[in-house]
C-alpha atoms as a PDB file:
ATOM      1  CA  UNK A   1      33.944  17.377 -17.035  1.00  0.00           C
ATOM      2  CA  UNK A   2      32.336  14.310 -15.487  1.00  0.00           C
ATOM      3  CA  UNK A   3      31.136  11.240 -17.006  1.00  0.00           C
ATOM      4  CA  UNK A   4      27.264  11.644 -17.577  1.00  0.00           C
ATOM      5  CA  UNK A   5      25.074   9.462 -15.548  1.00  0.00           C
ATOM      6  CA  UNK A   6      21.319   7.951 -16.824  1.00  0.00           C
ATOM      7  CA  UNK A   7      18.705   7.107 -14.654  1.00  0.00           C
ATOM      8  CA  UNK A   8      17.139   3.536 -13.970  1.00  0.00           C
ATOM      9  CA  UNK A   9      14.176   4.627 -16.732  1.00  0.00           C
ATOM     10  CA  UNK A  10      15.907   6.096 -19.133  1.00  0.00           C
ATOM     11  CA  UNK A  11      18.027   3.353 -19.252  1.00  0.00           C
ATOM     12  CA  UNK A  12      15.245   0.903 -19.199  1.00  0.00           C
ATOM     13  CA  UNK A  13      13.119   2.944 -22.071  1.00  0.00           C
ATOM     14  CA  UNK A  14      16.245   2.093 -24.424  1.00  0.00           C
ATOM     15  CA  UNK A  15      16.450  -1.664 -24.230  1.00  0.00           C
ATOM     16  CA  UNK A  16      12.826  -1.430 -24.672  1.00  0.00           C
ATOM     17  CA  UNK A  17      13.183   0.502 -28.018  1.00  0.00           C
ATOM     18  CA  UNK A  18      16.346  -2.367 -29.259  1.00  0.00           C
ATOM     19  CA  UNK A  19      14.078  -5.276 -27.783  1.00  0.00           C
ATOM     20  CA  UNK A  20      10.959  -4.770 -28.286  1.00  0.00           C
ATOM     21  CA  UNK A  21      10.348  -2.525 -30.521  1.00  0.00           C
ATOM     22  CA  UNK A  22      13.182  -4.064 -32.750  1.00  0.00           C
ATOM     23  CA  UNK A  23      14.922  -1.563 -33.222  1.00  0.00           C
ATOM     24  CA  UNK A  24      18.549  -1.301 -34.020  1.00  0.00           C
ATOM     25  CA  UNK A  25      21.025  -0.403 -31.616  1.00  0.00           C
ATOM     26  CA  UNK A  26      22.718   1.671 -34.040  1.00  0.00           C
ATOM     27  CA  UNK A  27      19.587   4.480 -34.679  1.00  0.00           C
ATOM     28  CA  UNK A  28      18.679   4.513 -30.753  1.00  0.00           C
ATOM     29  CA  UNK A  29      21.743   5.144 -29.657  1.00  0.00           C
ATOM     30  CA  UNK A  30      22.367   8.029 -32.126  1.00  0.00           C
ATOM     31  CA  UNK A  31      18.840   9.138 -31.573  1.00  0.00           C
ATOM     32  CA  UNK A  32      19.464   9.243 -27.899  1.00  0.00           C
ATOM     33  CA  UNK A  33      23.053  10.778 -28.112  1.00  0.00           C
ATOM     34  CA  UNK A  34      24.718   7.873 -26.326  1.00  0.00           C
ATOM     35  CA  UNK A  35      27.554   5.743 -27.528  1.00  0.00           C
ATOM     36  CA  UNK A  36      25.986   1.889 -29.174  1.00  0.00           C
ATOM     37  CA  UNK A  37      28.484   0.590 -26.850  1.00  0.00           C
ATOM     38  CA  UNK A  38      26.879   1.594 -23.751  1.00  0.00           C
ATOM     39  CA  UNK A  39      23.475   1.090 -25.118  1.00  0.00           C
ATOM     40  CA  UNK A  40      24.695  -2.392 -25.681  1.00  0.00           C
ATOM     41  CA  UNK A  41      26.219  -3.079 -21.974  1.00  0.00           C
ATOM     42  CA  UNK A  42      22.462  -2.009 -20.460  1.00  0.00           C
ATOM     43  CA  UNK A  43      21.157  -4.243 -22.915  1.00  0.00           C
ATOM     44  CA  UNK A  44      23.595  -7.348 -21.246  1.00  0.00           C
ATOM     45  CA  UNK A  45      23.150  -5.775 -17.530  1.00  0.00           C
ATOM     46  CA  UNK A  46      18.747  -6.077 -18.457  1.00  0.00           C
ATOM     47  CA  UNK A  47      19.383  -9.778 -20.382  1.00  0.00           C
ATOM     48  CA  UNK A  48      21.038 -11.111 -16.916  1.00  0.00           C
ATOM     49  CA  UNK A  49      19.719  -8.864 -14.329  1.00  0.00           C
ATOM     50  CA  UNK A  50      15.679  -8.678 -15.717  1.00  0.00           C
ATOM     51  CA  UNK A  51      13.958  -5.838 -13.801  1.00  0.00           C
ATOM     52  CA  UNK A  52      16.515  -5.852 -11.177  1.00  0.00           C
ATOM     53  CA  UNK A  53      19.405  -4.517 -13.627  1.00  0.00           C
ATOM     54  CA  UNK A  54      20.554  -0.567 -13.312  1.00  0.00           C
ATOM     55  CA  UNK A  55      19.421  -0.282  -9.457  1.00  0.00           C
ATOM     56  CA  UNK A  56      23.007   0.692  -8.539  1.00  0.00           C
ATOM     57  CA  UNK A  57      24.971  -1.417  -6.500  1.00  0.00           C
ATOM     58  CA  UNK A  58      21.678  -3.199  -4.940  1.00  0.00           C
ATOM     59  CA  UNK A  59      22.237  -5.641  -8.228  1.00  0.00           C
ATOM     60  CA  UNK A  60      25.889  -6.236  -7.935  1.00  0.00           C
ATOM     61  CA  UNK A  61      26.705  -6.272  -3.937  1.00  0.00           C
ATOM     62  CA  UNK A  62      23.584  -9.314  -2.044  1.00  0.00           C
ATOM     63  CA  UNK A  63      24.691  -7.501   1.351  1.00  0.00           C
ATOM     64  CA  UNK A  64      23.834  -4.141   0.213  1.00  0.00           C
ATOM     65  CA  UNK A  65      20.800  -5.498  -0.948  1.00  0.00           C
ATOM     66  CA  UNK A  66      19.703  -7.428   2.557  1.00  0.00           C
ATOM     67  CA  UNK A  67      20.410  -4.033   4.082  1.00  0.00           C
ATOM     68  CA  UNK A  68      17.995  -2.116   2.283  1.00  0.00           C
ATOM     69  CA  UNK A  69      15.238  -5.114   2.770  1.00  0.00           C
ATOM     70  CA  UNK A  70      16.074  -4.813   6.311  1.00  0.00           C
ATOM     71  CA  UNK A  71      15.032  -0.818   6.953  1.00  0.00           C
ATOM     72  CA  UNK A  72      12.578  -0.907   4.542  1.00  0.00           C
ATOM     73  CA  UNK A  73      11.024  -3.479   6.649  1.00  0.00           C
ATOM     74  CA  UNK A  74      11.710  -0.964   9.676  1.00  0.00           C
ATOM     75  CA  UNK A  75      10.426   1.479   8.370  1.00  0.00           C
ATOM     76  CA  UNK A  76       6.878  -0.038   7.479  1.00  0.00           C
ATOM     77  CA  UNK A  77       7.167  -1.734  11.111  1.00  0.00           C
ATOM     78  CA  UNK A  78       7.480   2.012  12.344  1.00  0.00           C
ATOM     79  CA  UNK A  79       4.734   3.340  10.079  1.00  0.00           C
ATOM     80  CA  UNK A  80       2.088   0.901  11.539  1.00  0.00           C
ATOM     81  CA  UNK A  81       2.777   1.273  14.919  1.00  0.00           C
ATOM     82  CA  UNK A  82       2.406   4.795  14.076  1.00  0.00           C
ATOM     83  CA  UNK A  83      -0.701   4.289  12.295  1.00  0.00           C
ATOM     84  CA  UNK A  84      -1.910   1.633  15.291  1.00  0.00           C
ATOM     85  CA  UNK A  85      -0.689   4.709  17.756  1.00  0.00           C
ATOM     86  CA  UNK A  86      -3.034   6.950  16.278  1.00  0.00           C
ATOM     87  CA  UNK A  87      -5.799   4.774  16.052  1.00  0.00           C
ATOM     88  CA  UNK A  88      -5.255   4.118  19.469  1.00  0.00           C
ATOM     89  CA  UNK A  89      -5.695   7.321  20.574  1.00  0.00           C
ATOM     90  CA  UNK A  90      -7.946   8.727  18.221  1.00  0.00           C
ATOM     91  CA  UNK A  91     -11.340   7.101  19.626  1.00  0.00           C
END
């Protein structure tokens, strides 16, 4: 059986229970059926990266982040062109 993978929302919620609700790591980890060391690691990642934590390779690899930003801009530009065409030809 492979390693369990948790999504960003789950990790953020777990970290917030400890940091904002002042619950104990051991208590939260037990309730969520995760190892306390896992939760400590998520907290460390959050404290280091803030809101960009848990974005997979994006928070680790700056080159990947740049590629995603370029793709995002290209997709937005394509959407804008499509919208302009629609408006132009709908008249």
